[in-house]
Amino acid sequence: IGYDALVAAAADNMAADVASALTDTYTRELRYGLFRDVEQKRDGFVGRDETSRFSATAEQARANLVVHYTRVRTDDEMIIIWLDDENRVVEEGVDVVQQGEWRLYSLSTRGLPGGRYTVVGILNGVTAFEKPFVVEP
């Protein structure tokens, strides 16, 4: 094999790697939001009262995260991590998701110390979103 063929083969391999990385990153699409209340509808969920503030004392004190996986691959892995203001894990879960699915993840805020929190979604090892919120005492 000549030098030109080696350069062409290397360029083809690099282009394939770049295309693969872009496909893995940019074909994923999801929608999400934090809600005080959620109702199940057909094959999904409808969030009520979208907010970034939750109570630590209300009887049904929960931060509800609704995620709609509009364009993912079958068996993609989603990790949901709820963090406090010092980035300590409050709760963590792993889920296997599919295209078109609606998922509800929630954190009981009852009794949590007041302050800033963040929910992080990691899809196949890549941070898909970070959503800050506040828990009020």
Protein backbone atom coordinates (compact mmCIF):
# COMPACT_ATOMS: atom_id res chain seq x y z
CA ILE A 1 0.00 0.00 0.00
CA GLY A 2 1.33 3.41 -0.95
CA TYR A 3 1.52 6.52 1.21
CA ASP A 4 -1.52 8.09 -0.51
CA ALA A 5 -3.63 5.03 0.26
CA LEU A 6 -2.59 5.09 3.93
CA VAL A 7 -3.48 8.78 4.23
CA ALA A 8 -6.85 8.17 2.55
CA ALA A 9 -7.59 5.20 4.84
CA ALA A 10 -6.65 7.25 7.92
CA ALA A 11 -8.89 10.11 6.77
CA ASP A 12 -11.78 7.69 6.19
CA ASN A 13 -11.33 6.25 9.70
CA MET A 14 -11.25 9.72 11.25
CA ALA A 15 -14.37 10.78 9.33
CA ALA A 16 -16.19 7.63 10.49
CA ASP A 17 -15.19 8.31 14.12
CA VAL A 18 -16.40 11.93 13.91
CA ALA A 19 -19.68 10.92 12.23
CA SER A 20 -20.24 8.24 14.88
CA ALA A 21 -19.60 10.70 17.72
CA LEU A 22 -21.93 13.27 16.18
CA THR A 23 -24.63 10.67 15.62
CA ASP A 24 -24.38 9.47 19.22
CA THR A 25 -24.52 13.02 20.56
CA TYR A 26 -26.86 14.91 18.28
CA THR A 27 -29.57 12.42 17.47
CA ARG A 28 -30.70 12.19 21.09
CA GLU A 29 -33.58 14.46 22.05
CA LEU A 30 -35.59 14.70 25.22
CA ARG A 31 -37.89 17.17 26.92
CA TYR A 32 -38.08 17.63 30.67
CA GLY A 33 -39.48 19.82 33.43
CA LEU A 34 -39.93 20.03 37.20
CA PHE A 35 -43.48 20.10 38.55
CA ARG A 36 -45.26 20.20 41.90
CA ASP A 37 -47.88 17.74 40.71
CA VAL A 38 -48.15 15.20 37.90
CA GLU A 39 -51.07 13.34 36.37
CA GLN A 40 -50.76 10.20 34.27
CA LYS A 41 -52.43 10.53 30.85
CA ARG A 42 -52.59 7.70 28.34
CA ASP A 43 -48.98 6.67 27.74
CA GLY A 44 -47.42 9.70 29.40
CA PHE A 45 -47.57 12.32 32.10
CA VAL A 46 -48.90 15.85 32.32
CA GLY A 47 -47.05 18.10 34.73
CA ARG A 48 -49.00 20.67 36.72
CA ASP A 49 -47.56 23.82 38.22
CA GLU A 50 -44.08 23.87 36.66
CA THR A 51 -41.73 25.41 39.19
CA SER A 52 -38.22 25.60 40.56
CA ARG A 53 -39.38 25.99 44.20
CA PHE A 54 -40.53 23.15 46.42
CA SER A 55 -41.59 22.93 50.07
CA ALA A 56 -39.82 20.89 52.74
CA THR A 57 -42.89 20.95 54.99
CA ALA A 58 -45.93 20.32 52.78
CA GLU A 59 -47.67 16.98 53.27
CA GLN A 60 -47.04 15.89 49.67
CA ALA A 61 -43.64 17.61 49.34
CA ARG A 62 -42.13 16.24 46.12
CA ALA A 63 -40.07 17.53 43.25
CA ASN A 64 -41.42 15.72 40.16
CA LEU A 65 -39.23 15.47 37.08
CA VAL A 66 -41.07 14.48 33.90
CA VAL A 67 -38.87 13.39 30.99
CA HIS A 68 -40.14 12.63 27.49
CA TYR A 69 -37.60 10.65 25.46
CA THR A 70 -38.58 11.84 22.00
CA ARG A 71 -35.56 10.56 20.12
CA VAL A 72 -33.26 8.02 21.76
CA ARG A 73 -32.10 4.54 20.94
CA THR A 74 -33.69 1.47 22.44
CA ASP A 75 -32.00 0.58 25.71
CA ASP A 76 -30.22 3.91 26.25
CA GLU A 77 -29.16 4.33 29.88
CA MET A 78 -30.34 7.35 31.85
CA ILE A 79 -28.93 8.17 35.28
CA ILE A 80 -30.88 10.70 37.36
CA ILE A 81 -28.93 12.28 40.22
CA TRP A 82 -30.44 14.66 42.77
CA LEU A 83 -27.71 16.83 44.38
CA ASP A 84 -27.69 19.23 47.31
CA ASP A 85 -25.98 22.64 47.29
CA GLU A 86 -22.60 21.03 48.09
CA ASN A 87 -22.95 18.52 45.20
CA ARG A 88 -23.59 15.62 47.56
CA VAL A 89 -25.89 12.93 46.19
CA VAL A 90 -29.31 13.04 47.85
CA GLU A 91 -30.74 10.29 45.64
CA GLU A 92 -29.65 8.51 42.46
CA GLY A 93 -31.27 6.08 40.05
CA VAL A 94 -30.46 4.28 36.81
CA ASP A 95 -33.09 3.68 34.14
CA VAL A 96 -33.13 2.02 30.72
CA VAL A 97 -35.24 4.07 28.30
CA GLN A 98 -36.68 3.83 24.81
CA GLN A 99 -37.85 6.25 22.17
CA GLY A 100 -41.26 7.79 22.81
CA GLU A 101 -41.34 6.90 26.51
CA TRP A 102 -42.47 9.24 29.25
CA ARG A 103 -40.81 8.78 32.64
CA LEU A 104 -41.54 10.26 36.02
CA TYR A 105 -38.72 10.63 38.53
CA SER A 106 -39.40 12.25 41.88
CA LEU A 107 -37.63 13.28 45.03
CA SER A 108 -39.36 13.65 48.37
CA THR A 109 -38.43 17.11 49.60
CA ARG A 110 -40.19 16.62 52.93
CA GLY A 111 -37.69 17.22 55.71
CA LEU A 112 -34.84 18.25 53.43
CA PRO A 113 -32.79 21.23 54.60
CA GLY A 114 -33.72 24.43 52.79
CA GLY A 115 -31.37 25.47 50.02
CA ARG A 116 -30.38 25.05 46.39
CA TYR A 117 -30.51 21.63 44.75
CA THR A 118 -29.91 20.30 41.25
CA VAL A 119 -31.25 17.35 39.33
CA VAL A 120 -28.86 16.01 36.70
CA GLY A 121 -29.72 13.67 33.82
CA ILE A 122 -26.86 11.66 32.31
CA LEU A 123 -27.71 9.83 29.08
CA ASN A 124 -25.19 7.15 28.11
CA GLY A 125 -22.44 8.81 30.13
CA VAL A 126 -23.05 12.33 28.75
CA THR A 127 -24.75 15.04 30.79
CA ALA A 128 -28.08 15.66 29.05
CA PHE A 129 -29.37 18.33 31.45
CA GLU A 130 -28.89 20.04 34.80
CA LYS A 131 -31.97 21.64 36.35
CA PRO A 132 -31.51 23.72 39.52
CA PHE A 133 -34.29 24.15 42.07
CA VAL A 134 -34.83 25.42 45.60
CA VAL A 135 -36.26 23.67 48.65
CA GLU A 136 -37.90 26.13 51.00
CA PRO A 137 -38.05 25.30 54.73
